[in-house]
Protein backbone atom coordinates (compact mmCIF):
# COMPACT_ATOMS: atom_id res chain seq x y z
CA UNK A 1 135.30 280.80 232.66
CA UNK A 2 132.83 281.26 235.25
CA UNK A 3 135.09 284.25 236.89
CA UNK A 4 135.25 286.00 233.85
CA UNK A 5 131.34 286.05 233.44
CA UNK A 6 130.76 287.29 236.95
CA UNK A 7 133.09 289.87 236.56
CA UNK A 8 131.55 291.30 233.43
CA UNK A 9 127.86 290.87 235.30
CA UNK A 10 129.24 292.96 238.11
CA UNK A 11 131.15 296.01 235.49
CA UNK A 12 127.66 295.58 233.26
CA UNK A 13 124.84 298.70 233.80
CA UNK A 14 122.16 297.07 236.22
CA UNK A 15 119.39 298.57 234.46
CA UNK A 16 120.66 297.32 230.81
CA UNK A 17 120.73 293.61 232.74
CA UNK A 18 117.10 294.05 234.77
CA UNK A 19 115.53 295.75 230.91
CA UNK A 20 117.01 292.89 229.28
CA UNK A 21 115.65 290.07 231.43
CA UNK A 22 112.56 291.65 231.91
CA UNK A 23 111.89 291.82 227.97
CA UNK A 24 113.31 288.32 227.57
CA UNK A 25 110.39 286.12 226.02
CA UNK A 26 112.31 282.38 226.77
CA UNK A 27 111.81 281.61 230.29
CA UNK A 28 115.03 279.96 230.86
CA UNK A 29 116.93 282.94 229.53
CA UNK A 30 114.63 285.14 231.64
CA UNK A 31 115.67 283.22 234.83
CA UNK A 32 119.73 282.93 233.99
CA UNK A 33 119.45 286.83 233.12
CA UNK A 34 117.32 287.80 236.45
CA UNK A 35 119.95 285.43 238.62
CA UNK A 36 122.84 287.55 237.11
CA UNK A 37 121.08 290.73 237.86
CA UNK A 38 120.46 289.78 241.40
CA UNK A 39 124.29 288.36 241.57
CA UNK A 40 125.60 291.83 240.49
CA UNK A 41 123.13 293.74 242.72
CA UNK A 42 124.13 291.49 245.76
CA UNK A 43 127.81 292.33 245.17
CA UNK A 44 127.29 296.03 244.81
CA UNK A 45 125.20 295.92 247.90
CA UNK A 46 128.02 294.26 249.88
CA UNK A 47 130.47 296.82 248.68
CA UNK A 48 128.36 299.63 249.67
CA UNK A 49 127.78 298.26 253.19
CA UNK A 50 131.29 298.06 253.63
CA UNK A 51 131.58 301.81 253.55
CA UNK A 52 131.82 303.11 256.70
CA UNK A 53 130.24 306.66 255.66
CA UNK A 54 127.23 304.68 254.36
CA UNK A 55 124.54 304.99 257.02
CA UNK A 56 121.12 303.44 256.68
C-alpha cells in the first residue's frame, strides 16, 4: 500500500501537491502533504541528475 501511495505522489502534478499543502489548515495534514511534496521533488531531482545531458 505504501508503494502505491508513493508511486501516485511521484506521478501527481507537483504544483497541485504544493498548493494543497500550503492551503491546508490542519497542521498535521499540512506536514504530511509537505513531506509527500518533498519526497516527490526529491525523486524527480534524482531522475534529472541521472541524465548525462543535464548540466549544472
